[in-house]
N, C-alpha and C. Protein backbone atom coordinates (compact mmCIF):
# COMPACT_ATOMS: atom_id res chain seq x y z
N MET A 1 15.41 -65.48 -34.84
CA MET A 1 15.30 -63.98 -35.82
C MET A 1 15.94 -63.02 -34.89
N MET A 2 15.69 -63.19 -33.59
CA MET A 2 16.14 -62.10 -32.61
C MET A 2 17.52 -61.87 -32.60
N ALA A 3 18.21 -62.81 -32.73
CA ALA A 3 19.85 -62.84 -32.69
C ALA A 3 20.23 -61.81 -33.79
N TRP A 4 19.88 -62.41 -35.12
CA TRP A 4 20.00 -61.44 -36.19
C TRP A 4 19.96 -60.23 -35.95
N ASN A 5 18.73 -59.32 -35.30
CA ASN A 5 18.59 -58.25 -35.38
C ASN A 5 19.33 -57.63 -34.25
N LEU A 6 19.74 -58.33 -33.19
CA LEU A 6 20.80 -57.53 -32.27
C LEU A 6 21.99 -57.51 -33.07
N LYS A 7 22.67 -58.74 -33.77
CA LYS A 7 23.72 -58.33 -34.37
C LYS A 7 23.68 -57.32 -35.24
N ARG A 8 22.77 -57.23 -36.44
CA ARG A 8 22.58 -56.33 -37.32
C ARG A 8 22.80 -54.77 -36.68
N ARG A 9 21.79 -54.61 -35.61
CA ARG A 9 22.01 -53.21 -34.98
C ARG A 9 23.44 -53.02 -34.35
N ASP A 10 23.92 -53.96 -33.73
CA ASP A 10 25.25 -53.80 -33.02
C ASP A 10 26.25 -53.31 -34.27
N VAL A 11 26.34 -54.33 -35.11
CA VAL A 11 27.18 -53.93 -36.48
C VAL A 11 26.96 -52.62 -37.04
N LEU A 12 25.86 -52.14 -37.41
CA LEU A 12 25.78 -50.91 -37.94
C LEU A 12 26.14 -49.77 -37.04
N GLY A 13 25.75 -49.89 -35.79
CA GLY A 13 25.94 -48.84 -34.74
C GLY A 13 27.42 -48.87 -34.64
N ALA A 14 28.31 -49.84 -34.46
CA ALA A 14 29.45 -49.58 -34.22
C ALA A 14 30.19 -49.38 -35.49
N GLY A 15 29.47 -49.75 -36.72
CA GLY A 15 30.52 -49.54 -37.78
C GLY A 15 30.24 -47.89 -38.12
N ALA A 16 29.21 -47.36 -37.78
CA ALA A 16 29.00 -45.98 -37.99
C ALA A 16 30.16 -45.06 -36.96
N LEU A 17 29.83 -45.58 -35.71
CA LEU A 17 30.61 -44.91 -34.73
C LEU A 17 32.35 -44.98 -35.12
N GLY A 18 32.54 -46.33 -35.84
CA GLY A 18 34.16 -46.39 -36.08
C GLY A 18 34.46 -45.68 -37.25
N THR A 19 33.62 -45.54 -38.08
CA THR A 19 33.69 -44.68 -39.25
C THR A 19 34.01 -43.14 -39.12
N ALA A 20 33.05 -42.67 -38.31
CA ALA A 20 33.20 -41.18 -37.73
C ALA A 20 34.50 -41.19 -37.05
N ALA A 21 34.70 -42.11 -36.15
CA ALA A 21 35.85 -41.84 -35.20
C ALA A 21 37.36 -41.65 -35.80
N VAL A 22 37.33 -42.78 -36.75
CA VAL A 22 38.70 -42.86 -37.31
C VAL A 22 38.84 -43.13 -38.89
N GLY A 23 37.84 -42.25 -39.59
CA GLY A 23 37.81 -42.71 -40.83
C GLY A 23 38.16 -43.56 -41.59
N LEU A 24 37.71 -44.93 -41.32
CA LEU A 24 37.86 -46.12 -41.75
C LEU A 24 37.69 -46.14 -43.23
N GLY A 25 36.86 -45.53 -43.98
CA GLY A 25 36.59 -45.78 -45.32
C GLY A 25 37.79 -45.60 -46.12
N ALA A 26 38.77 -45.07 -45.74
CA ALA A 26 40.17 -44.91 -46.37
C ALA A 26 41.07 -45.85 -46.20
N LEU A 27 40.90 -46.73 -45.16
CA LEU A 27 41.86 -47.52 -44.57
C LEU A 27 42.24 -48.85 -45.47
N ALA A 28 41.07 -49.23 -45.83
CA ALA A 28 41.17 -50.61 -46.84
C ALA A 28 41.74 -50.04 -48.08
N ARG A 29 41.83 -48.79 -48.57
CA ARG A 29 42.31 -48.34 -49.75
C ARG A 29 43.18 -47.32 -49.56
N SER A 30 44.19 -47.34 -48.39
CA SER A 30 45.05 -46.49 -48.06
C SER A 30 46.18 -46.58 -49.14
N GLU A 31 46.35 -47.67 -49.66
CA GLU A 31 47.68 -47.44 -50.77
C GLU A 31 46.83 -48.23 -52.07
N PRO A 32 46.46 -47.36 -53.01
CA PRO A 32 45.44 -47.83 -53.96
C PRO A 32 46.43 -49.11 -54.96
N GLY A 33 47.75 -48.94 -54.90
CA GLY A 33 48.56 -49.52 -55.92
C GLY A 33 48.81 -50.95 -55.50
N ARG A 34 48.58 -51.22 -53.83
CA ARG A 34 48.86 -52.46 -53.26
C ARG A 34 48.24 -53.57 -53.51
N SER A 35 48.63 -54.59 -53.85
CA SER A 35 47.73 -55.66 -53.78
C SER A 35 47.81 -56.65 -52.66
N ARG A 36 46.59 -56.51 -52.28
CA ARG A 36 46.32 -57.40 -50.86
C ARG A 36 45.86 -58.68 -50.78
N THR A 37 46.45 -59.52 -49.73
CA THR A 37 45.93 -60.88 -50.10
C THR A 37 45.60 -61.05 -48.37
N VAL A 38 44.28 -61.26 -48.11
CA VAL A 38 43.93 -61.19 -46.72
C VAL A 38 42.79 -62.45 -46.95
N THR A 39 43.10 -63.37 -45.87
CA THR A 39 42.22 -64.42 -45.75
C THR A 39 41.52 -64.13 -44.38
N LEU A 40 40.12 -64.21 -44.20
CA LEU A 40 39.44 -64.19 -43.14
C LEU A 40 39.04 -65.53 -42.32
N VAL A 41 39.47 -65.91 -41.23
CA VAL A 41 38.79 -67.14 -40.42
C VAL A 41 37.70 -66.47 -39.55
N GLU A 42 36.39 -67.07 -40.00
CA GLU A 42 35.27 -66.72 -39.14
C GLU A 42 34.70 -67.92 -38.23
N GLU A 43 34.72 -68.03 -37.04
CA GLU A 43 34.03 -69.20 -36.62
C GLU A 43 32.55 -68.97 -36.45
N SER A 44 31.74 -69.63 -37.23
CA SER A 44 30.34 -69.34 -37.40
C SER A 44 29.48 -69.50 -36.32
N GLY A 45 29.96 -70.22 -35.43
CA GLY A 45 28.99 -70.69 -34.11
C GLY A 45 29.48 -69.68 -33.07
N VAL A 46 30.71 -68.49 -32.97
CA VAL A 46 30.76 -67.78 -32.06
C VAL A 46 30.30 -66.23 -32.54
N PRO A 47 29.05 -65.67 -32.14
CA PRO A 47 28.58 -64.33 -32.64
C PRO A 47 29.73 -63.30 -32.84
N GLU A 48 30.64 -62.95 -31.56
CA GLU A 48 31.59 -61.98 -32.03
C GLU A 48 32.48 -62.25 -33.19
N SER A 49 32.95 -63.65 -33.36
CA SER A 49 33.43 -63.75 -34.72
C SER A 49 32.76 -63.52 -35.92
N ARG A 50 31.68 -63.63 -35.93
CA ARG A 50 31.07 -63.01 -37.13
C ARG A 50 30.74 -61.97 -37.02
N GLN A 51 30.62 -61.02 -36.21
CA GLN A 51 30.80 -59.57 -36.08
C GLN A 51 32.09 -59.08 -36.69
N PHE A 52 33.01 -59.79 -35.87
CA PHE A 52 34.57 -59.15 -36.64
C PHE A 52 34.56 -59.33 -38.13
N ALA A 53 34.25 -60.63 -38.50
CA ALA A 53 34.10 -61.09 -40.04
C ALA A 53 33.28 -60.12 -40.87
N SER A 54 31.99 -59.59 -40.44
CA SER A 54 31.44 -58.79 -40.88
C SER A 54 31.92 -57.24 -41.19
N ALA A 55 32.27 -56.95 -40.44
CA ALA A 55 33.10 -55.62 -40.31
C ALA A 55 34.35 -55.51 -41.08
N LEU A 56 35.17 -56.51 -41.31
CA LEU A 56 36.12 -56.74 -42.23
C LEU A 56 35.88 -56.89 -43.71
N ILE A 57 34.59 -57.61 -43.54
CA ILE A 57 34.10 -57.87 -45.29
C ILE A 57 33.29 -56.55 -45.79
N ASP A 58 32.90 -56.06 -44.85
CA ASP A 58 31.97 -54.76 -45.24
C ASP A 58 32.89 -53.51 -45.47
N ASN A 59 34.06 -53.67 -45.00
CA ASN A 59 35.10 -52.62 -45.19
C ASN A 59 35.91 -52.96 -46.35
N GLY A 60 35.76 -54.17 -46.94
CA GLY A 60 36.41 -54.56 -48.21
C GLY A 60 37.86 -54.84 -47.92
N PHE A 61 38.18 -55.27 -46.68
CA PHE A 61 39.55 -55.77 -46.20
C PHE A 61 39.85 -57.11 -46.49
N ALA A 62 38.91 -58.23 -46.45
CA ALA A 62 39.30 -59.57 -46.77
C ALA A 62 38.86 -59.80 -48.12
N GLY A 63 39.95 -60.69 -48.87
CA GLY A 63 39.51 -61.22 -50.10
C GLY A 63 38.87 -62.80 -50.12
N GLU A 64 39.24 -63.21 -49.21
CA GLU A 64 38.59 -64.49 -49.06
C GLU A 64 38.09 -64.89 -47.37
N VAL A 65 37.13 -65.85 -47.31
CA VAL A 65 36.52 -66.03 -45.99
C VAL A 65 36.46 -67.53 -45.94
N ILE A 66 37.18 -68.14 -44.54
CA ILE A 66 37.00 -69.12 -44.33
C ILE A 66 35.88 -69.41 -43.34
N ARG A 67 34.95 -70.17 -43.51
CA ARG A 67 33.86 -70.36 -42.25
C ARG A 67 34.15 -71.80 -41.91
N ILE A 68 34.22 -71.81 -40.69
CA ILE A 68 34.56 -73.14 -39.85
C ILE A 68 33.33 -73.11 -38.90
N ASP A 69 32.72 -74.73 -38.52
CA ASP A 69 31.75 -74.60 -37.88
C ASP A 69 32.04 -75.45 -36.47
N PRO A 70 31.47 -75.37 -35.69
CA PRO A 70 32.17 -75.88 -34.28
C PRO A 70 32.78 -77.06 -34.21
N SER A 71 32.43 -78.06 -35.36
CA SER A 71 33.43 -79.02 -35.26
C SER A 71 34.79 -78.88 -35.94
N LEU A 72 34.77 -77.71 -36.42
CA LEU A 72 36.32 -77.27 -37.13
C LEU A 72 36.47 -77.64 -38.23
N ASN A 73 35.35 -78.05 -38.99
CA ASN A 73 35.37 -78.52 -40.33
C ASN A 73 35.62 -77.70 -41.37
N GLY A 74 36.78 -77.79 -42.20
CA GLY A 74 37.10 -76.81 -42.93
C GLY A 74 38.72 -76.16 -42.81
N LEU A 75 38.74 -76.03 -41.15
CA LEU A 75 40.02 -75.53 -41.06
C LEU A 75 41.46 -76.04 -41.37
N LEU A 76 41.51 -77.14 -41.10
CA LEU A 76 42.85 -77.92 -41.36
C LEU A 76 42.70 -77.78 -42.86
N TYR A 77 41.90 -78.18 -43.94
CA TYR A 77 41.96 -78.15 -44.93
C TYR A 77 42.17 -76.80 -45.68
N GLU A 78 41.23 -75.91 -45.21
CA GLU A 78 41.24 -74.62 -45.90
C GLU A 78 42.70 -73.87 -45.79
N LEU A 79 43.12 -73.90 -44.61
CA LEU A 79 44.45 -73.28 -44.13
C LEU A 79 45.51 -73.52 -45.00
N GLU A 80 45.42 -75.05 -45.51
CA GLU A 80 46.69 -75.53 -46.34
C GLU A 80 46.84 -74.69 -47.64
N ALA A 81 45.95 -73.70 -47.92
CA ALA A 81 46.10 -73.28 -49.34
C ALA A 81 46.12 -71.79 -49.19
N THR A 82 46.29 -71.18 -48.12
CA THR A 82 46.15 -69.72 -47.69
C THR A 82 47.57 -69.13 -47.83
N THR A 83 47.83 -67.89 -48.43
CA THR A 83 48.86 -67.24 -48.48
C THR A 83 48.65 -65.75 -48.05
N GLY A 84 49.83 -64.99 -48.18
CA GLY A 84 49.65 -63.58 -47.50
C GLY A 84 49.42 -63.36 -46.23
N THR A 85 48.19 -62.98 -45.72
CA THR A 85 47.90 -62.45 -44.43
C THR A 85 46.32 -63.20 -44.05
N ILE A 86 46.56 -63.67 -42.85
CA ILE A 86 45.64 -64.48 -42.49
C ILE A 86 44.92 -63.98 -41.21
N ILE A 87 43.57 -63.47 -40.93
CA ILE A 87 43.20 -62.93 -39.83
C ILE A 87 42.05 -63.68 -39.19
N GLY A 88 41.96 -63.74 -37.97
CA GLY A 88 40.70 -64.37 -37.33
C GLY A 88 40.47 -63.83 -35.94
N MET A 89 39.02 -63.67 -35.57
CA MET A 89 39.02 -63.82 -34.29
C MET A 89 37.98 -64.93 -33.66
N THR A 90 38.37 -65.63 -32.95
CA THR A 90 38.24 -67.19 -32.81
C THR A 90 38.19 -67.68 -31.33
N SER A 91 37.68 -68.51 -30.99
CA SER A 91 37.88 -69.04 -29.86
C SER A 91 39.55 -69.65 -29.55
N ASP A 92 39.89 -69.61 -28.42
CA ASP A 92 41.28 -69.78 -27.91
C ASP A 92 41.70 -71.22 -28.75
N PRO A 93 41.21 -72.49 -28.76
CA PRO A 93 41.44 -73.39 -29.30
C PRO A 93 41.75 -73.43 -30.91
N VAL A 94 40.90 -72.94 -31.51
CA VAL A 94 40.75 -72.60 -32.87
C VAL A 94 42.22 -71.69 -33.28
N ALA A 95 42.43 -70.55 -32.43
CA ALA A 95 43.61 -69.73 -32.38
C ALA A 95 44.79 -70.73 -32.33
N MET A 96 44.84 -71.57 -31.69
CA MET A 96 46.07 -72.37 -31.19
C MET A 96 46.31 -73.42 -32.28
N ILE A 97 45.02 -74.02 -32.85
CA ILE A 97 45.44 -75.04 -34.10
C ILE A 97 45.64 -74.02 -35.31
N ALA A 98 45.00 -73.05 -35.53
CA ALA A 98 45.72 -72.31 -36.77
C ALA A 98 47.05 -71.72 -36.55
N GLY A 99 47.29 -71.21 -35.56
CA GLY A 99 48.49 -70.63 -35.44
C GLY A 99 49.50 -71.80 -35.66
N GLN A 100 49.43 -72.97 -35.00
CA GLN A 100 50.31 -74.31 -35.18
C GLN A 100 50.43 -74.75 -36.67
N LEU A 101 49.35 -74.53 -37.48
CA LEU A 101 49.32 -74.86 -38.75
C LEU A 101 50.06 -73.74 -39.68
N LEU A 102 49.56 -72.75 -39.28
CA LEU A 102 50.46 -71.70 -40.35
C LEU A 102 51.81 -71.64 -40.02
N ARG A 103 52.53 -71.53 -38.68
CA ARG A 103 53.65 -71.62 -38.22
C ARG A 103 54.39 -72.76 -39.06
N GLU A 104 53.79 -74.11 -38.93
CA GLU A 104 54.61 -74.95 -39.86
C GLU A 104 55.03 -74.85 -41.18
N ARG A 105 53.80 -73.78 -41.66
CA ARG A 105 53.85 -73.72 -43.13
C ARG A 105 54.72 -72.54 -43.50
N GLY A 106 55.31 -71.69 -42.55
CA GLY A 106 56.44 -70.61 -42.61
C GLY A 106 55.66 -69.51 -42.10
N ALA A 107 54.34 -69.23 -41.91
CA ALA A 107 53.93 -67.87 -41.42
C ALA A 107 54.44 -67.64 -40.08
N HIS A 108 54.49 -66.11 -40.02
CA HIS A 108 54.81 -65.68 -38.55
C HIS A 108 53.56 -64.75 -37.96
N ALA A 109 53.79 -64.72 -36.71
CA ALA A 109 52.61 -64.11 -36.02
C ALA A 109 52.85 -62.61 -35.94
N ARG A 110 51.95 -61.70 -36.31
CA ARG A 110 51.95 -60.41 -36.38
C ARG A 110 51.23 -59.57 -35.27
N GLN A 111 50.00 -60.21 -34.93
CA GLN A 111 49.21 -60.09 -33.92
C GLN A 111 48.64 -60.88 -33.06
N PHE A 112 48.49 -60.74 -31.66
CA PHE A 112 47.74 -61.83 -30.87
C PHE A 112 47.15 -61.05 -29.86
N TRP A 113 45.74 -60.60 -30.05
CA TRP A 113 44.99 -59.81 -29.01
C TRP A 113 44.20 -60.78 -28.26
N GLN A 114 44.13 -60.79 -26.99
CA GLN A 114 43.32 -61.44 -25.90
C GLN A 114 41.91 -60.73 -25.73
N HIS A 115 41.03 -61.22 -25.46
CA HIS A 115 39.56 -60.90 -25.23
C HIS A 115 38.68 -61.79 -24.26
N HIS A 116 38.36 -61.54 -23.00
CA HIS A 116 37.69 -62.51 -22.06
C HIS A 116 36.75 -61.75 -21.36
N PHE A 117 35.58 -62.30 -21.00
CA PHE A 117 34.30 -61.78 -20.43
C PHE A 117 34.65 -62.02 -19.01
N ALA A 118 34.55 -60.99 -18.20
CA ALA A 118 34.49 -61.05 -16.71
C ALA A 118 33.62 -59.98 -16.01
N GLY A 119 33.02 -60.22 -14.97
CA GLY A 119 32.47 -58.97 -14.05
C GLY A 119 31.42 -58.47 -15.04
N GLY A 120 30.69 -58.80 -15.92
CA GLY A 120 29.99 -58.13 -16.87
C GLY A 120 30.35 -57.33 -18.00
N ARG A 121 31.61 -57.49 -18.26
CA ARG A 121 32.30 -56.57 -19.17
C ARG A 121 33.23 -57.47 -20.06
N TRP A 122 33.37 -57.31 -21.18
CA TRP A 122 34.67 -57.71 -21.82
C TRP A 122 35.97 -56.96 -21.49
N ARG A 123 36.94 -57.58 -21.26
CA ARG A 123 38.32 -57.19 -21.06
C ARG A 123 39.24 -57.53 -22.42
N HIS A 124 39.97 -56.63 -22.62
CA HIS A 124 40.89 -56.76 -23.83
C HIS A 124 42.21 -56.34 -23.47
N ARG A 125 43.33 -57.05 -24.36
CA ARG A 125 44.60 -56.85 -24.39
C ARG A 125 44.90 -56.64 -26.01
N THR A 126 45.07 -55.21 -26.48
CA THR A 126 45.46 -55.07 -27.59
C THR A 126 46.70 -54.22 -28.00
N GLU A 127 46.50 -53.58 -29.14
CA GLU A 127 47.48 -52.50 -29.52
C GLU A 127 46.76 -51.40 -29.78
N GLY A 128 47.25 -50.27 -30.03
CA GLY A 128 46.87 -49.04 -30.70
C GLY A 128 46.03 -48.13 -29.16
N SER A 129 45.15 -47.45 -29.83
CA SER A 129 43.99 -46.50 -29.17
C SER A 129 42.87 -47.44 -28.60
N ALA A 130 42.69 -47.27 -27.20
CA ALA A 130 41.85 -48.10 -26.93
C ALA A 130 40.27 -47.54 -26.52
N ARG A 131 40.18 -46.15 -27.04
CA ARG A 131 38.90 -45.44 -26.72
C ARG A 131 37.90 -46.07 -27.44
N LEU A 132 37.89 -46.55 -28.73
CA LEU A 132 36.85 -47.05 -29.68
C LEU A 132 36.35 -48.26 -28.79
N ILE A 133 37.19 -49.16 -28.39
CA ILE A 133 36.39 -50.29 -27.61
C ILE A 133 35.78 -50.10 -26.40
N GLU A 134 36.56 -49.10 -25.71
CA GLU A 134 36.14 -48.90 -24.44
C GLU A 134 34.33 -48.22 -24.65
N SER A 135 34.30 -47.66 -25.56
CA SER A 135 33.03 -46.92 -25.75
C SER A 135 31.80 -47.84 -26.39
N THR A 136 32.19 -49.32 -26.43
CA THR A 136 31.42 -50.29 -26.86
C THR A 136 30.45 -51.26 -25.78
N THR A 137 29.67 -51.88 -26.33
CA THR A 137 29.12 -52.87 -25.52
C THR A 137 29.10 -54.44 -26.10
N HIS A 138 28.00 -54.80 -26.79
CA HIS A 138 28.05 -55.93 -27.83
C HIS A 138 28.87 -55.76 -29.04
N ALA A 139 28.88 -54.54 -29.51
CA ALA A 139 29.47 -54.36 -30.83
C ALA A 139 30.89 -54.05 -30.62
N TRP A 140 31.89 -54.47 -29.47
CA TRP A 140 33.25 -54.57 -29.32
C TRP A 140 33.90 -55.21 -30.34
N PRO A 141 33.47 -56.22 -31.17
CA PRO A 141 34.27 -57.23 -32.28
C PRO A 141 34.39 -55.97 -33.58
N VAL A 142 33.37 -55.28 -33.50
CA VAL A 142 33.51 -54.38 -34.83
C VAL A 142 34.60 -53.39 -34.45
N ALA A 143 34.63 -52.95 -33.27
CA ALA A 143 35.71 -51.73 -33.03
C ALA A 143 36.85 -52.29 -32.88
N VAL A 144 37.34 -53.60 -32.53
CA VAL A 144 38.35 -54.53 -32.82
C VAL A 144 38.95 -54.67 -34.17
N ALA A 145 37.88 -55.07 -35.03
CA ALA A 145 38.55 -55.17 -36.29
C ALA A 145 38.76 -53.77 -36.98
N HIS A 146 38.16 -52.69 -36.47
CA HIS A 146 38.77 -51.46 -37.13
C HIS A 146 39.88 -51.19 -36.65
N GLN A 147 40.17 -51.42 -35.35
CA GLN A 147 41.58 -51.04 -34.58
C GLN A 147 42.46 -51.79 -35.37
N LEU A 148 42.34 -53.10 -35.29
CA LEU A 148 43.19 -54.25 -36.20
C LEU A 148 43.78 -53.68 -37.40
N GLN A 149 42.85 -53.05 -38.43
CA GLN A 149 42.87 -52.57 -39.57
C GLN A 149 43.65 -51.46 -39.56
N SER A 150 43.93 -50.77 -38.60
CA SER A 150 44.42 -49.54 -38.43
C SER A 150 45.78 -49.67 -38.11
N VAL A 151 45.99 -50.67 -37.21
CA VAL A 151 47.31 -51.28 -36.77
C VAL A 151 47.95 -51.70 -37.64
N MET A 152 47.33 -52.58 -38.76
CA MET A 152 48.14 -53.32 -39.84
C MET A 152 48.59 -52.22 -40.74
N ASP A 153 47.79 -51.41 -40.92
CA ASP A 153 48.25 -50.29 -42.00
C ASP A 153 49.38 -49.36 -41.40
N ASN A 154 49.50 -49.21 -40.23
CA ASN A 154 50.70 -48.41 -39.40
C ASN A 154 51.99 -49.57 -39.12
N ARG A 155 52.96 -49.56 -39.72
CA ARG A 155 54.18 -50.01 -39.50
C ARG A 155 54.93 -49.79 -38.21
N SER A 156 54.76 -48.74 -37.83
CA SER A 156 55.37 -48.16 -36.68
C SER A 156 55.26 -49.00 -35.31
N PRO A 157 55.94 -49.18 -34.15
CA PRO A 157 55.62 -50.09 -33.29
C PRO A 157 54.34 -49.73 -32.54
N GLN A 158 53.49 -50.34 -31.91
CA GLN A 158 52.17 -49.82 -31.20
C GLN A 158 52.28 -50.09 -29.80
N VAL A 159 51.45 -49.39 -28.81
CA VAL A 159 51.76 -49.46 -27.73
C VAL A 159 50.70 -50.65 -27.46
N THR A 160 51.05 -51.47 -26.26
CA THR A 160 50.12 -52.57 -25.91
C THR A 160 49.32 -51.92 -24.68
N ASN A 161 48.07 -52.24 -24.64
CA ASN A 161 46.91 -51.61 -23.63
C ASN A 161 45.98 -52.58 -23.10
N ASP A 162 45.30 -52.41 -22.02
CA ASP A 162 44.32 -52.98 -21.63
C ASP A 162 43.16 -52.05 -21.36
N CYS A 163 42.01 -52.53 -21.93
CA CYS A 163 41.04 -51.78 -21.65
C CYS A 163 39.53 -52.87 -21.38
N THR A 164 38.57 -52.12 -20.82
CA THR A 164 37.36 -52.82 -20.79
C THR A 164 36.04 -52.10 -21.59
N SER A 165 35.24 -53.03 -21.89
CA SER A 165 34.33 -52.47 -22.66
C SER A 165 33.20 -52.02 -21.95
N GLY A 166 32.22 -51.49 -22.24
CA GLY A 166 31.24 -51.08 -21.57
C GLY A 166 30.31 -52.28 -20.96
N PRO A 167 29.53 -52.48 -20.02
CA PRO A 167 28.88 -53.63 -19.37
C PRO A 167 27.75 -54.07 -20.34
N CYS A 168 27.88 -55.28 -20.31
CA CYS A 168 27.07 -56.08 -21.20
C CYS A 168 27.02 -57.68 -21.02
N ALA A 169 25.66 -58.31 -21.27
CA ALA A 169 25.68 -59.79 -20.83
C ALA A 169 26.64 -60.55 -21.94
N LEU A 170 26.92 -61.91 -21.46
CA LEU A 170 27.57 -62.86 -22.33
C LEU A 170 26.40 -63.48 -23.14
N LEU A 171 26.81 -63.35 -24.43
CA LEU A 171 25.95 -63.97 -25.54
C LEU A 171 25.69 -65.61 -25.12
N ALA A 172 24.79 -66.16 -25.33
CA ALA A 172 24.41 -67.62 -24.95
C ALA A 172 25.83 -68.58 -25.86
N SER A 173 26.01 -68.19 -27.04
CA SER A 173 27.02 -68.83 -27.52
C SER A 173 28.38 -68.55 -27.88
N SER A 174 28.48 -67.37 -27.00
CA SER A 174 29.95 -67.08 -26.81
C SER A 174 30.83 -68.01 -25.67
N PRO A 175 32.05 -67.90 -26.31
CA PRO A 175 32.97 -68.92 -25.42
C PRO A 175 33.38 -67.93 -24.20
N GLY A 176 33.31 -66.91 -24.45
CA GLY A 176 33.91 -65.84 -23.16
C GLY A 176 35.28 -65.69 -23.19
N MET A 177 35.75 -66.38 -24.05
CA MET A 177 37.36 -66.04 -24.12
C MET A 177 37.88 -66.13 -25.60
N LEU A 178 38.40 -64.99 -26.04
CA LEU A 178 38.76 -65.05 -27.75
C LEU A 178 39.83 -64.52 -27.92
N VAL A 179 40.38 -64.86 -29.20
CA VAL A 179 41.54 -63.97 -29.47
C VAL A 179 41.56 -63.68 -30.84
N SER A 180 41.80 -62.50 -31.09
CA SER A 180 41.86 -61.98 -32.56
C SER A 180 43.47 -62.04 -32.80
N TRP A 181 43.81 -62.48 -34.09
CA TRP A 181 45.01 -62.75 -34.55
C TRP A 181 45.35 -62.35 -36.02
N VAL A 182 46.86 -62.44 -36.34
CA VAL A 182 47.02 -62.11 -37.76
C VAL A 182 48.45 -62.88 -37.83
N TYR A 183 48.37 -63.61 -39.18
CA TYR A 183 49.59 -64.36 -39.37
C TYR A 183 50.01 -63.67 -40.88
N GLU A 184 51.17 -63.58 -40.92
CA GLU A 184 51.71 -63.40 -42.30
C GLU A 184 52.86 -64.35 -42.78
N PHE A 185 52.72 -64.70 -44.21
CA PHE A 185 53.76 -65.54 -44.65
C PHE A 185 55.01 -64.58 -45.11
N GLU A 186 56.26 -65.28 -44.94
CA GLU A 186 57.71 -64.43 -45.26
C GLU A 186 57.23 -63.84 -46.44
N GLY A 187 57.90 -62.61 -46.63
CA GLY A 187 57.96 -61.87 -47.79
C GLY A 187 56.63 -61.01 -48.06
N TYR A 188 55.69 -61.30 -47.28
CA TYR A 188 54.72 -60.50 -47.55
C TYR A 188 54.37 -59.66 -46.32
N GLN A 189 53.70 -58.26 -46.84
CA GLN A 189 53.51 -57.51 -45.89
C GLN A 189 52.21 -57.02 -46.38
N SER A 190 51.41 -56.79 -45.36
CA SER A 190 50.02 -56.55 -45.85
C SER A 190 49.96 -54.97 -45.85
């Protein structure tokens, strides 16, 4: 029960910060006439993946969610039926498996951001502005979700940057190395 309270506080705090900082309420609806097919992959055993997914779901950005357990049940089968844009923040092995499957089906990688825990902080290699991520501690997955959403809506080239979140402890079920990724199928642009 304590983990749920921490997650809820972190998500709500970062969501309010993100909405105020970059006006995210309009991002998911930035082009009202556009049909968006976004599938989100959530690694349920990883708290950061759950936070990332919650932020995109709460903002109305994802249409379908594929939830996979630690044994990766559902990943292979579920990805076989996906189209459009597929997004995830997962452990590195899940990202590699999903990427291989999606590339074999004709998808191309659009984003591949790295996040790893070292020295009591999360270190990130992303695109776009780093300010929102740098000001977070445990809620950085929410900030990454909002930043990813912003970068996807902006088709111009983005600057790659490295940044470090505020000091925090590594959560017990976190793998300590995560990847946030986006794949798109040919002819589809989110």
